[in-house]
Amino acid sequence: MNAVILISVISVGSSSVYATSRTLVSLAEQNLAPKICGYVDRSGRPLVAIMITNAFGLISFIAASGKQSEVFTWLLSISGLSSIFTWLSICVAHLRFRRALSVQGRTTDELAFVSQTGIIGSWFGVILNVLVLIAEFWLAIFPLGDKPNAKGFFEAYLGFVILIVFYIGHKIWRKNWILFIRSKDIDIDSGRKETDLEALKRELEEEKL
């Protein structure tokens, strides 16, 4: 059993280092992270990004500390809401993309893949995630079985504070203070992968048979 657990931990760690380091490289290539993070050696290894990722892995040694539960609580508060914000942004991005298509006189026929639930699914996702954030905010202010306190608030809602800090930091870094882009001005072509739509549709139809 110990061997199985060890192999599983190593597997998760390896995949996490791989995914995170490549994400850092991608961000660096888009000028969204320091350029040094995009360094790749002759063998195709993003060494700087891997070292940065592994450095954060050293946090795991806190498990040997006497305050491991307190540290875990704060780490959880940092990452706890990240999934909610991520899915909320995905749903909003999809809604804005579909709106931009419509305003610019284009249709989903030119897309290789279309959401099965359409914009209804994205609206459902937005509403659900917003309700979760509201509920979490309420519990952060008025925790169950306890009096309102600053520590309890940040333990529950620190992720939102970090999101705001990173958002403002990004604006300062890129010197871009545009807060909203009108649907008719949204660029929906840059970065798109060229695909033979007709061939792809035939392939999908054949898979259904």
N, C-alpha and C. Protein backbone atom coordinates (compact mmCIF):
# COMPACT_ATOMS: atom_id res chain seq x y z
N MET A 1 0.83 -1.21 0.00
CA MET A 1 0.00 0.00 0.00
C MET A 1 0.86 1.26 0.00
N ASN A 2 1.92 1.24 0.80
CA ASN A 2 2.82 2.40 0.84
C ASN A 2 3.45 2.67 -0.52
N ALA A 3 3.78 1.58 -1.23
CA ALA A 3 4.37 1.73 -2.56
C ALA A 3 3.38 2.38 -3.52
N VAL A 4 2.11 1.97 -3.42
CA VAL A 4 1.07 2.54 -4.29
C VAL A 4 0.90 4.03 -4.01
N ILE A 5 0.87 4.38 -2.72
CA ILE A 5 0.73 5.79 -2.34
C ILE A 5 1.93 6.60 -2.83
N LEU A 6 3.13 6.04 -2.66
CA LEU A 6 4.35 6.73 -3.09
C LEU A 6 4.34 6.97 -4.60
N ILE A 7 3.96 5.94 -5.36
CA ILE A 7 3.91 6.08 -6.82
C ILE A 7 2.87 7.13 -7.23
N SER A 8 1.74 7.13 -6.53
CA SER A 8 0.68 8.09 -6.84
C SER A 8 1.14 9.52 -6.57
N VAL A 9 1.81 9.71 -5.43
CA VAL A 9 2.30 11.05 -5.08
C VAL A 9 3.33 11.53 -6.10
N ILE A 10 4.25 10.64 -6.48
CA ILE A 10 5.27 11.01 -7.47
C ILE A 10 4.61 11.34 -8.81
N SER A 11 3.59 10.58 -9.17
CA SER A 11 2.89 10.81 -10.43
C SER A 11 2.20 12.17 -10.44
N VAL A 12 1.50 12.47 -9.35
CA VAL A 12 0.81 13.77 -9.25
C VAL A 12 1.82 14.91 -9.25
N GLY A 13 2.92 14.73 -8.50
CA GLY A 13 3.94 15.76 -8.45
C GLY A 13 4.57 16.02 -9.82
N SER A 14 4.87 14.95 -10.54
CA SER A 14 5.49 15.09 -11.86
C SER A 14 4.56 15.80 -12.84
N SER A 15 3.30 15.39 -12.85
CA SER A 15 2.34 16.01 -13.77
C SER A 15 2.12 17.48 -13.41
N SER A 16 2.13 17.79 -12.11
CA SER A 16 1.93 19.18 -11.68
C SER A 16 3.11 20.05 -12.10
N VAL A 17 4.33 19.53 -11.92
CA VAL A 17 5.52 20.27 -12.34
C VAL A 17 5.51 20.48 -13.85
N TYR A 18 5.13 19.45 -14.58
CA TYR A 18 5.09 19.55 -16.04
C TYR A 18 4.10 20.62 -16.48
N ALA A 19 2.88 20.55 -15.96
CA ALA A 19 1.83 21.48 -16.38
C ALA A 19 2.14 22.91 -15.95
N THR A 20 2.58 23.08 -14.72
CA THR A 20 2.83 24.43 -14.20
C THR A 20 4.00 25.09 -14.91
N SER A 21 5.07 24.35 -15.14
CA SER A 21 6.24 24.93 -15.81
C SER A 21 5.90 25.35 -17.24
N ARG A 22 5.12 24.54 -17.93
CA ARG A 22 4.74 24.90 -19.31
C ARG A 22 3.79 26.09 -19.33
N THR A 23 2.97 26.20 -18.30
CA THR A 23 2.08 27.36 -18.19
C THR A 23 2.89 28.63 -18.01
N LEU A 24 3.92 28.56 -17.18
CA LEU A 24 4.80 29.72 -16.97
C LEU A 24 5.49 30.12 -18.26
N VAL A 25 5.93 29.14 -19.03
CA VAL A 25 6.58 29.43 -20.31
C VAL A 25 5.61 30.13 -21.25
N SER A 26 4.39 29.63 -21.30
CA SER A 26 3.37 30.24 -22.16
C SER A 26 3.08 31.67 -21.75
N LEU A 27 2.98 31.91 -20.44
CA LEU A 27 2.74 33.26 -19.94
C LEU A 27 3.89 34.19 -20.30
N ALA A 28 5.11 33.67 -20.20
CA ALA A 28 6.28 34.48 -20.54
C ALA A 28 6.29 34.83 -22.02
N GLU A 29 5.88 33.89 -22.87
CA GLU A 29 5.85 34.14 -24.31
C GLU A 29 4.81 35.18 -24.67
N GLN A 30 3.78 35.32 -23.83
CA GLN A 30 2.74 36.32 -24.07
C GLN A 30 3.00 37.62 -23.31
N ASN A 31 4.20 37.71 -22.73
CA ASN A 31 4.58 38.89 -21.93
C ASN A 31 3.69 39.09 -20.72
N LEU A 32 3.17 37.99 -20.19
CA LEU A 32 2.35 38.04 -19.00
C LEU A 32 3.11 37.57 -17.77
N ALA A 33 4.36 37.20 -17.97
CA ALA A 33 5.25 36.78 -16.88
C ALA A 33 6.67 37.21 -17.26
N PRO A 34 7.58 37.30 -16.29
CA PRO A 34 8.96 37.68 -16.62
C PRO A 34 9.53 36.81 -17.75
N LYS A 35 10.24 37.44 -18.67
CA LYS A 35 10.75 36.72 -19.84
C LYS A 35 11.67 35.57 -19.48
N ILE A 36 12.35 35.69 -18.34
CA ILE A 36 13.28 34.64 -17.94
C ILE A 36 12.55 33.31 -17.73
N CYS A 37 11.26 33.38 -17.41
CA CYS A 37 10.47 32.16 -17.21
C CYS A 37 10.29 31.40 -18.51
N GLY A 38 10.50 32.07 -19.63
CA GLY A 38 10.32 31.42 -20.93
C GLY A 38 11.58 30.75 -21.46
N TYR A 39 12.66 30.75 -20.66
CA TYR A 39 13.91 30.15 -21.12
C TYR A 39 13.76 28.64 -21.31
N VAL A 40 14.16 28.16 -22.47
CA VAL A 40 14.12 26.73 -22.79
C VAL A 40 15.49 26.33 -23.31
N ASP A 41 16.06 25.26 -22.75
CA ASP A 41 17.40 24.85 -23.19
C ASP A 41 17.33 24.08 -24.50
N ARG A 42 18.48 23.62 -24.97
CA ARG A 42 18.54 22.95 -26.27
C ARG A 42 17.76 21.64 -26.30
N SER A 43 17.54 21.07 -25.14
CA SER A 43 16.78 19.82 -25.07
C SER A 43 15.28 20.05 -24.94
N GLY A 44 14.88 21.32 -24.95
CA GLY A 44 13.46 21.64 -24.87
C GLY A 44 12.92 21.69 -23.46
N ARG A 45 13.81 21.81 -22.48
CA ARG A 45 13.36 21.84 -21.08
C ARG A 45 13.28 23.27 -20.57
N PRO A 46 12.15 23.68 -20.04
CA PRO A 46 12.02 25.04 -19.46
C PRO A 46 12.62 25.06 -18.06
N LEU A 47 13.94 25.15 -17.99
CA LEU A 47 14.64 24.97 -16.72
C LEU A 47 14.24 25.99 -15.66
N VAL A 48 14.16 27.26 -16.04
CA VAL A 48 13.82 28.30 -15.06
C VAL A 48 12.42 28.07 -14.50
N ALA A 49 11.48 27.77 -15.39
CA ALA A 49 10.10 27.53 -14.95
C ALA A 49 10.02 26.30 -14.05
N ILE A 50 10.80 25.28 -14.37
CA ILE A 50 10.81 24.07 -13.54
C ILE A 50 11.37 24.37 -12.16
N MET A 51 12.44 25.16 -12.10
CA MET A 51 13.04 25.50 -10.81
C MET A 51 12.08 26.33 -9.96
N ILE A 52 11.38 27.27 -10.58
CA ILE A 52 10.41 28.07 -9.84
C ILE A 52 9.29 27.19 -9.30
N THR A 53 8.82 26.29 -10.13
CA THR A 53 7.75 25.38 -9.71
C THR A 53 8.20 24.49 -8.56
N ASN A 54 9.40 23.95 -8.67
CA ASN A 54 9.92 23.08 -7.60
C ASN A 54 10.15 23.86 -6.31
N ALA A 55 10.49 25.14 -6.45
CA ALA A 55 10.72 25.97 -5.25
C ALA A 55 9.44 26.06 -4.43
N PHE A 56 8.31 26.20 -5.11
CA PHE A 56 7.04 26.24 -4.39
C PHE A 56 6.72 24.88 -3.76
N GLY A 57 7.26 23.83 -4.37
CA GLY A 57 7.04 22.50 -3.81
C GLY A 57 7.67 22.32 -2.44
N LEU A 58 8.65 23.16 -2.13
CA LEU A 58 9.31 23.08 -0.82
C LEU A 58 8.35 23.42 0.32
N ILE A 59 7.23 24.05 -0.03
CA ILE A 59 6.24 24.38 1.00
C ILE A 59 5.73 23.11 1.68
N SER A 60 5.83 21.98 0.99
CA SER A 60 5.34 20.72 1.56
C SER A 60 6.07 20.34 2.84
N PHE A 61 7.28 20.86 3.03
CA PHE A 61 8.03 20.54 4.25
C PHE A 61 7.39 21.16 5.49
N ILE A 62 6.43 22.04 5.28
CA ILE A 62 5.72 22.63 6.42
C ILE A 62 4.95 21.55 7.17
N ALA A 63 4.73 20.42 6.50
CA ALA A 63 4.02 19.31 7.15
C ALA A 63 4.74 18.84 8.40
N ALA A 64 6.04 19.13 8.47
CA ALA A 64 6.82 18.74 9.64
C ALA A 64 6.78 19.80 10.73
N SER A 65 6.07 20.90 10.47
CA SER A 65 6.00 21.99 11.43
C SER A 65 4.87 21.75 12.43
N GLY A 66 5.00 22.37 13.57
CA GLY A 66 3.96 22.25 14.59
C GLY A 66 2.72 23.05 14.25
N LYS A 67 2.84 23.98 13.30
CA LYS A 67 1.71 24.82 12.90
C LYS A 67 1.20 24.44 11.51
N GLN A 68 1.32 23.18 11.18
CA GLN A 68 0.94 22.74 9.84
C GLN A 68 -0.54 22.98 9.54
N SER A 69 -1.40 22.81 10.54
CA SER A 69 -2.83 23.00 10.31
C SER A 69 -3.15 24.47 10.02
N GLU A 70 -2.48 25.37 10.72
CA GLU A 70 -2.71 26.80 10.49
C GLU A 70 -2.21 27.21 9.11
N VAL A 71 -1.03 26.71 8.74
CA VAL A 71 -0.49 27.02 7.41
C VAL A 71 -1.39 26.46 6.33
N PHE A 72 -1.88 25.23 6.55
CA PHE A 72 -2.77 24.61 5.56
C PHE A 72 -4.04 25.44 5.38
N THR A 73 -4.55 25.98 6.48
CA THR A 73 -5.77 26.80 6.41
C THR A 73 -5.54 28.03 5.54
N TRP A 74 -4.39 28.67 5.70
CA TRP A 74 -4.10 29.87 4.91
C TRP A 74 -3.84 29.52 3.44
N LEU A 75 -3.17 28.41 3.20
CA LEU A 75 -2.96 27.98 1.81
C LEU A 75 -4.29 27.65 1.15
N LEU A 76 -5.17 27.02 1.91
CA LEU A 76 -6.49 26.69 1.39
C LEU A 76 -7.30 27.96 1.11
N SER A 77 -7.13 28.97 1.96
CA SER A 77 -7.86 30.23 1.75
C SER A 77 -7.38 30.93 0.48
N ILE A 78 -6.11 30.73 0.14
CA ILE A 78 -5.56 31.34 -1.07
C ILE A 78 -6.13 30.67 -2.32
N SER A 79 -6.21 29.35 -2.27
CA SER A 79 -6.61 28.59 -3.47
C SER A 79 -8.07 28.15 -3.47
N GLY A 80 -8.74 28.28 -2.34
CA GLY A 80 -10.09 27.73 -2.21
C GLY A 80 -11.09 28.28 -3.21
N LEU A 81 -11.03 29.58 -3.47
CA LEU A 81 -11.99 30.20 -4.39
C LEU A 81 -11.49 30.24 -5.82
N SER A 82 -10.28 29.76 -6.05
CA SER A 82 -9.69 29.87 -7.39
C SER A 82 -10.53 29.15 -8.45
N SER A 83 -11.05 27.98 -8.11
CA SER A 83 -11.86 27.23 -9.08
C SER A 83 -13.14 27.98 -9.42
N ILE A 84 -13.73 28.63 -8.42
CA ILE A 84 -14.95 29.39 -8.65
C ILE A 84 -14.68 30.55 -9.61
N PHE A 85 -13.60 31.29 -9.34
CA PHE A 85 -13.25 32.42 -10.21
C PHE A 85 -12.88 31.94 -11.61
N THR A 86 -12.20 30.80 -11.68
CA THR A 86 -11.80 30.27 -12.99
C THR A 86 -13.01 29.92 -13.84
N TRP A 87 -13.95 29.16 -13.27
CA TRP A 87 -15.12 28.77 -14.03
C TRP A 87 -16.03 29.96 -14.33
N LEU A 88 -16.08 30.91 -13.42
CA LEU A 88 -16.86 32.12 -13.67
C LEU A 88 -16.28 32.88 -14.86
N SER A 89 -14.97 33.02 -14.90
CA SER A 89 -14.33 33.73 -16.02
C SER A 89 -14.50 32.97 -17.33
N ILE A 90 -14.47 31.64 -17.27
CA ILE A 90 -14.68 30.84 -18.48
C ILE A 90 -16.08 31.07 -19.04
N CYS A 91 -17.07 31.05 -18.16
CA CYS A 91 -18.46 31.25 -18.59
C CYS A 91 -18.66 32.66 -19.16
N VAL A 92 -18.09 33.66 -18.48
CA VAL A 92 -18.22 35.04 -18.96
C VAL A 92 -17.53 35.20 -20.31
N ALA A 93 -16.34 34.59 -20.45
CA ALA A 93 -15.60 34.67 -21.71
C ALA A 93 -16.41 34.04 -22.85
N HIS A 94 -17.06 32.92 -22.56
CA HIS A 94 -17.87 32.27 -23.59
C HIS A 94 -19.06 33.13 -24.00
N LEU A 95 -19.71 33.74 -23.01
CA LEU A 95 -20.84 34.62 -23.31
C LEU A 95 -20.41 35.81 -24.15
N ARG A 96 -19.28 36.40 -23.82
CA ARG A 96 -18.80 37.56 -24.56
C ARG A 96 -18.35 37.16 -25.97
N PHE A 97 -17.77 35.97 -26.08
CA PHE A 97 -17.35 35.48 -27.39
C PHE A 97 -18.55 35.26 -28.30
N ARG A 98 -19.58 34.62 -27.76
CA ARG A 98 -20.78 34.38 -28.57
C ARG A 98 -21.47 35.69 -28.92
N ARG A 99 -21.45 36.64 -28.01
CA ARG A 99 -22.04 37.95 -28.28
C ARG A 99 -21.26 38.66 -29.38
N ALA A 100 -19.92 38.56 -29.32
CA ALA A 100 -19.08 39.19 -30.33
C ALA A 100 -19.34 38.57 -31.70
N LEU A 101 -19.51 37.26 -31.74
CA LEU A 101 -19.83 36.59 -33.01
C LEU A 101 -21.11 37.16 -33.61
N SER A 102 -22.12 37.29 -32.76
CA SER A 102 -23.42 37.76 -33.22
C SER A 102 -23.35 39.21 -33.71
N VAL A 103 -22.72 40.07 -32.92
CA VAL A 103 -22.64 41.49 -33.27
C VAL A 103 -21.83 41.70 -34.55
N GLN A 104 -20.81 40.89 -34.75
CA GLN A 104 -19.95 41.04 -35.92
C GLN A 104 -20.49 40.28 -37.14
N GLY A 105 -21.72 39.79 -37.03
CA GLY A 105 -22.37 39.16 -38.17
C GLY A 105 -21.83 37.80 -38.53
N ARG A 106 -21.33 37.08 -37.55
CA ARG A 106 -20.77 35.75 -37.81
C ARG A 106 -21.56 34.72 -37.02
N THR A 107 -21.41 33.46 -37.40
CA THR A 107 -22.19 32.40 -36.76
C THR A 107 -21.28 31.31 -36.22
N THR A 108 -21.88 30.38 -35.49
CA THR A 108 -21.12 29.27 -34.93
C THR A 108 -20.76 28.22 -35.98
N ASP A 109 -21.25 28.39 -37.19
CA ASP A 109 -20.94 27.43 -38.25
C ASP A 109 -19.45 27.41 -38.58
N GLU A 110 -18.76 28.50 -38.27
CA GLU A 110 -17.33 28.56 -38.57
C GLU A 110 -16.47 28.04 -37.44
N LEU A 111 -17.11 27.54 -36.38
CA LEU A 111 -16.38 27.02 -35.23
C LEU A 111 -16.22 25.51 -35.34
N ALA A 112 -15.06 25.03 -34.93
CA ALA A 112 -14.81 23.59 -34.98
C ALA A 112 -15.64 22.86 -33.93
N PHE A 113 -15.79 23.47 -32.78
CA PHE A 113 -16.57 22.86 -31.70
C PHE A 113 -17.48 23.92 -31.08
N VAL A 114 -18.66 23.50 -30.69
CA VAL A 114 -19.64 24.40 -30.08
C VAL A 114 -20.11 23.81 -28.77
N SER A 115 -20.28 24.66 -27.77
CA SER A 115 -20.74 24.20 -26.46
C SER A 115 -22.10 23.51 -26.60
N GLN A 116 -22.23 22.33 -26.01
CA GLN A 116 -23.47 21.58 -26.11
C GLN A 116 -24.63 22.28 -25.40
N THR A 117 -24.31 23.02 -24.35
CA THR A 117 -25.37 23.72 -23.61
C THR A 117 -25.55 25.16 -24.08
N GLY A 118 -24.70 25.60 -25.01
CA GLY A 118 -24.84 26.95 -25.55
C GLY A 118 -24.67 28.04 -24.50
N ILE A 119 -25.24 29.19 -24.81
CA ILE A 119 -25.11 30.31 -23.87
C ILE A 119 -25.96 30.10 -22.62
N ILE A 120 -26.97 29.23 -22.73
CA ILE A 120 -27.80 28.95 -21.55
C ILE A 120 -26.95 28.29 -20.46
N GLY A 121 -26.11 27.36 -20.87
CA GLY A 121 -25.23 26.70 -19.91
C GLY A 121 -24.26 27.68 -19.27
N SER A 122 -23.76 28.63 -20.06
CA SER A 122 -22.83 29.62 -19.51
C SER A 122 -23.53 30.56 -18.55
N TRP A 123 -24.75 30.96 -18.90
CA TRP A 123 -25.51 31.81 -17.97
C TRP A 123 -25.79 31.08 -16.67
N PHE A 124 -26.12 29.81 -16.78
CA PHE A 124 -26.35 29.00 -15.58
C PHE A 124 -25.08 28.95 -14.73
N GLY A 125 -23.93 28.76 -15.39
CA GLY A 125 -22.66 28.72 -14.68
C GLY A 125 -22.34 30.04 -13.99
N VAL A 126 -22.60 31.15 -14.69
CA VAL A 126 -22.35 32.48 -14.11
C VAL A 126 -23.20 32.69 -12.86
N ILE A 127 -24.49 32.41 -12.99
CA ILE A 127 -25.41 32.61 -11.86
C ILE A 127 -25.03 31.73 -10.67
N LEU A 128 -24.72 30.46 -10.95
CA LEU A 128 -24.38 29.53 -9.88
C LEU A 128 -23.10 29.95 -9.17
N ASN A 129 -22.09 30.33 -9.93
CA ASN A 129 -20.81 30.73 -9.33
C ASN A 129 -20.95 32.03 -8.55
N VAL A 130 -21.74 32.96 -9.05
CA VAL A 130 -21.96 34.22 -8.33
C VAL A 130 -22.68 33.95 -7.01
N LEU A 131 -23.66 33.05 -7.03
CA LEU A 131 -24.37 32.71 -5.80
C LEU A 131 -23.42 32.07 -4.78
N VAL A 132 -22.51 31.24 -5.26
CA VAL A 132 -21.53 30.62 -4.36
C VAL A 132 -20.63 31.68 -3.74
N LEU A 133 -20.19 32.64 -4.56
CA LEU A 133 -19.34 33.72 -4.05
C LEU A 133 -20.07 34.58 -3.03
N ILE A 134 -21.35 34.85 -3.30
CA ILE A 134 -22.14 35.64 -2.35
C ILE A 134 -22.30 34.89 -1.03
N ALA A 135 -22.61 33.60 -1.13
CA ALA A 135 -22.77 32.80 0.09
C ALA A 135 -21.47 32.73 0.88
N GLU A 136 -20.36 32.55 0.16
CA GLU A 136 -19.06 32.48 0.83
C GLU A 136 -18.70 33.82 1.48
N PHE A 137 -19.06 34.91 0.81
CA PHE A 137 -18.80 36.24 1.36
C PHE A 137 -19.62 36.46 2.64
N TRP A 138 -20.86 36.02 2.61
CA TRP A 138 -21.72 36.17 3.78
C TRP A 138 -21.17 35.37 4.97
N LEU A 139 -20.72 34.15 4.68
CA LEU A 139 -20.16 33.32 5.75
C LEU A 139 -18.82 33.86 6.24
N ALA A 140 -18.10 34.55 5.36
CA ALA A 140 -16.83 35.15 5.77
C ALA A 140 -17.06 36.31 6.73
N ILE A 141 -18.15 37.05 6.50
CA ILE A 141 -18.47 38.18 7.37
C ILE A 141 -19.14 37.71 8.66
N PHE A 142 -20.06 36.77 8.50
CA PHE A 142 -20.79 36.25 9.66
C PHE A 142 -20.59 34.73 9.75
N PRO A 143 -19.43 34.30 10.25
CA PRO A 143 -19.14 32.86 10.34
C PRO A 143 -20.11 32.14 11.27
N LEU A 144 -20.44 30.91 10.92
CA LEU A 144 -21.36 30.13 11.73
C LEU A 144 -20.73 29.79 13.08
N GLY A 145 -21.46 30.06 14.14
CA GLY A 145 -20.99 29.72 15.47
C GLY A 145 -19.85 30.57 15.98
N ASP A 146 -19.63 31.72 15.36
CA ASP A 146 -18.52 32.58 15.79
C ASP A 146 -18.87 34.03 15.49
N LYS A 147 -18.16 34.94 16.13
CA LYS A 147 -18.38 36.36 15.91
C LYS A 147 -17.57 36.83 14.70
N PRO A 148 -18.04 37.86 14.03
CA PRO A 148 -17.28 38.41 12.89
C PRO A 148 -15.89 38.86 13.33
N ASN A 149 -14.88 38.47 12.56
CA ASN A 149 -13.51 38.88 12.86
C ASN A 149 -12.70 38.90 11.58
N ALA A 150 -11.66 39.72 11.56
CA ALA A 150 -10.85 39.90 10.36
C ALA A 150 -10.15 38.62 9.95
N LYS A 151 -9.62 37.88 10.92
CA LYS A 151 -8.91 36.65 10.60
C LYS A 151 -9.82 35.65 9.93
N GLY A 152 -11.02 35.50 10.47
CA GLY A 152 -11.97 34.56 9.88
C GLY A 152 -12.37 34.97 8.47
N PHE A 153 -12.50 36.29 8.26
CA PHE A 153 -12.88 36.78 6.93
C PHE A 153 -11.81 36.44 5.89
N PHE A 154 -10.54 36.73 6.23
CA PHE A 154 -9.48 36.48 5.27
C PHE A 154 -9.20 34.99 5.08
N GLU A 155 -9.45 34.20 6.11
CA GLU A 155 -9.30 32.76 5.96
C GLU A 155 -10.30 32.21 4.95
N ALA A 156 -11.46 32.84 4.87
CA ALA A 156 -12.50 32.36 3.96
C ALA A 156 -12.49 33.06 2.61
N TYR A 157 -11.99 34.31 2.56
CA TYR A 157 -12.14 35.10 1.33
C TYR A 157 -10.84 35.72 0.84
N LEU A 158 -9.71 35.17 1.28
CA LEU A 158 -8.42 35.72 0.88
C LEU A 158 -8.20 35.59 -0.63
N GLY A 159 -8.78 34.55 -1.23
CA GLY A 159 -8.62 34.34 -2.66
C GLY A 159 -9.10 35.53 -3.48
N PHE A 160 -10.18 36.15 -3.03
CA PHE A 160 -10.72 37.31 -3.74
C PHE A 160 -9.77 38.50 -3.66
N VAL A 161 -9.19 38.70 -2.49
CA VAL A 161 -8.23 39.79 -2.30
C VAL A 161 -7.02 39.60 -3.22
N ILE A 162 -6.53 38.37 -3.29
CA ILE A 162 -5.38 38.07 -4.15
C ILE A 162 -5.74 38.29 -5.61
N LEU A 163 -6.96 37.92 -5.99
CA LEU A 163 -7.41 38.15 -7.36
C LEU A 163 -7.36 39.63 -7.71
N ILE A 164 -7.85 40.48 -6.82
CA ILE A 164 -7.84 41.92 -7.06
C ILE A 164 -6.40 42.44 -7.17
N VAL A 165 -5.54 41.96 -6.28
CA VAL A 165 -4.13 42.39 -6.30
C VAL A 165 -3.47 42.02 -7.62
N PHE A 166 -3.70 40.79 -8.07
CA PHE A 166 -3.10 40.35 -9.32
C PHE A 166 -3.70 41.09 -10.52
N TYR A 167 -4.99 41.39 -10.45
CA TYR A 167 -5.64 42.12 -11.54
C TYR A 167 -5.05 43.52 -11.68
N ILE A 168 -4.92 44.21 -10.55
CA ILE A 168 -4.34 45.55 -10.58
C ILE A 168 -2.87 45.48 -10.98
N GLY A 169 -2.17 44.47 -10.47
CA GLY A 169 -0.76 44.29 -10.84
C GLY A 169 -0.60 44.06 -12.34
N HIS A 170 -1.51 43.29 -12.92
CA HIS A 170 -1.47 43.04 -14.36
C HIS A 170 -1.70 44.33 -15.14
N LYS A 171 -2.64 45.15 -14.66
CA LYS A 171 -2.92 46.42 -15.33
C LYS A 171 -1.69 47.33 -15.29
N ILE A 172 -1.03 47.35 -14.14
CA ILE A 172 0.17 48.18 -14.00
C ILE A 172 1.29 47.64 -14.87
N TRP A 173 1.45 46.31 -14.88
CA TRP A 173 2.52 45.67 -15.65
C TRP A 173 2.36 45.93 -17.14
N ARG A 174 1.12 45.76 -17.63
CA ARG A 174 0.86 45.93 -19.06
C ARG A 174 0.52 47.37 -19.44
N LYS A 175 0.33 48.22 -18.44
CA LYS A 175 -0.05 49.61 -18.66
C LYS A 175 -1.30 49.71 -19.54
N ASN A 176 -2.22 48.82 -19.26
CA ASN A 176 -3.47 48.76 -20.01
C ASN A 176 -4.62 48.96 -19.04
N TRP A 177 -5.25 50.12 -19.11
CA TRP A 177 -6.31 50.44 -18.17
C TRP A 177 -7.70 50.36 -18.81
N ILE A 178 -7.78 49.66 -19.94
CA ILE A 178 -9.09 49.45 -20.56
C ILE A 178 -9.85 48.41 -19.74
N LEU A 179 -11.01 48.79 -19.25
CA LEU A 179 -11.78 47.91 -18.38
C LEU A 179 -12.83 47.11 -19.14
N PHE A 180 -13.22 47.59 -20.31
CA PHE A 180 -14.27 46.90 -21.06
C PHE A 180 -14.07 47.12 -22.55
N ILE A 181 -14.23 46.05 -23.32
CA ILE A 181 -14.13 46.12 -24.77
C ILE A 181 -15.50 45.81 -25.36
N ARG A 182 -15.98 46.68 -26.21
CA ARG A 182 -17.29 46.48 -26.81
C ARG A 182 -17.27 45.25 -27.72
N SER A 183 -18.41 44.61 -27.82
CA SER A 183 -18.50 43.35 -28.58
C SER A 183 -18.04 43.51 -30.02
N LYS A 184 -18.34 44.64 -30.62
CA LYS A 184 -17.97 44.84 -32.03
C LYS A 184 -16.46 45.03 -32.20
N ASP A 185 -15.76 45.31 -31.10
CA ASP A 185 -14.31 45.54 -31.17
C ASP A 185 -13.49 44.35 -30.69
N ILE A 186 -14.15 43.30 -30.21
CA ILE A 186 -13.43 42.14 -29.70
C ILE A 186 -12.76 41.38 -30.85
N ASP A 187 -11.48 41.08 -30.68
CA ASP A 187 -10.74 40.31 -31.69
C ASP A 187 -11.01 38.82 -31.47
N ILE A 188 -11.74 38.22 -32.38
CA ILE A 188 -12.10 36.81 -32.23
C ILE A 188 -11.36 35.92 -33.23
N ASP A 189 -10.31 36.45 -33.83
CA ASP A 189 -9.57 35.68 -34.82
C ASP A 189 -8.11 35.41 -34.43
N SER A 190 -7.49 36.35 -33.74
CA SER A 190 -6.08 36.19 -33.39
C SER A 190 -5.88 34.95 -32.51
N GLY A 191 -4.89 34.15 -32.88
CA GLY A 191 -4.57 32.98 -32.08
C GLY A 191 -5.41 31.75 -32.39
N ARG A 192 -6.38 31.88 -33.29
CA ARG A 192 -7.21 30.73 -33.62
C ARG A 192 -6.44 29.75 -34.50
N LYS A 193 -6.66 28.48 -34.24
CA LYS A 193 -5.99 27.44 -35.01
C LYS A 193 -6.72 27.23 -36.33
N GLU A 194 -5.96 27.23 -37.41
CA GLU A 194 -6.56 27.00 -38.72
C GLU A 194 -7.01 25.54 -38.83
N THR A 195 -8.29 25.36 -39.12
CA THR A 195 -8.85 24.01 -39.18
C THR A 195 -9.71 23.86 -40.43
N ASP A 196 -9.59 22.70 -41.06
CA ASP A 196 -10.45 22.39 -42.19
C ASP A 196 -11.80 21.96 -41.62
N LEU A 197 -12.74 22.89 -41.54
CA LEU A 197 -14.01 22.63 -40.88
C LEU A 197 -14.80 21.52 -41.56
N GLU A 198 -14.79 21.51 -42.87
CA GLU A 198 -15.56 20.50 -43.58
C GLU A 198 -15.02 19.10 -43.29
N ALA A 199 -13.69 18.97 -43.30
CA ALA A 199 -13.07 17.67 -43.01
C ALA A 199 -13.35 17.26 -41.57
N LEU A 200 -13.30 18.23 -40.66
CA LEU A 200 -13.55 17.94 -39.25
C LEU A 200 -15.00 17.50 -39.04
N LYS A 201 -15.93 18.17 -39.69
CA LYS A 201 -17.34 17.81 -39.55
C LYS A 201 -17.60 16.41 -40.10
N ARG A 202 -16.94 16.08 -41.22
CA ARG A 202 -17.11 14.73 -41.78
C ARG A 202 -16.56 13.68 -40.82
N GLU A 203 -15.43 14.01 -40.20
CA GLU A 203 -14.82 13.08 -39.25
C GLU A 203 -15.73 12.87 -38.04
N LEU A 204 -16.34 13.95 -37.55
CA LEU A 204 -17.24 13.83 -36.41
C LEU A 204 -18.49 13.03 -36.76
N GLU A 205 -18.98 13.23 -37.97
CA GLU A 205 -20.15 12.47 -38.41
C GLU A 205 -19.84 10.99 -38.51
N GLU A 206 -18.63 10.67 -38.99
CA GLU A 206 -18.23 9.27 -39.12
C GLU A 206 -18.09 8.61 -37.75
N GLU A 207 -17.64 9.40 -36.75
CA GLU A 207 -17.50 8.85 -35.41
C GLU A 207 -18.85 8.53 -34.78
N LYS A 208 -19.88 9.26 -35.19
CA LYS A 208 -21.21 9.03 -34.64
C LYS A 208 -21.86 7.76 -35.20
N LEU A 209 -21.38 7.33 -36.37
CA LEU A 209 -21.97 6.16 -37.01
C LEU A 209 -21.55 4.86 -36.32
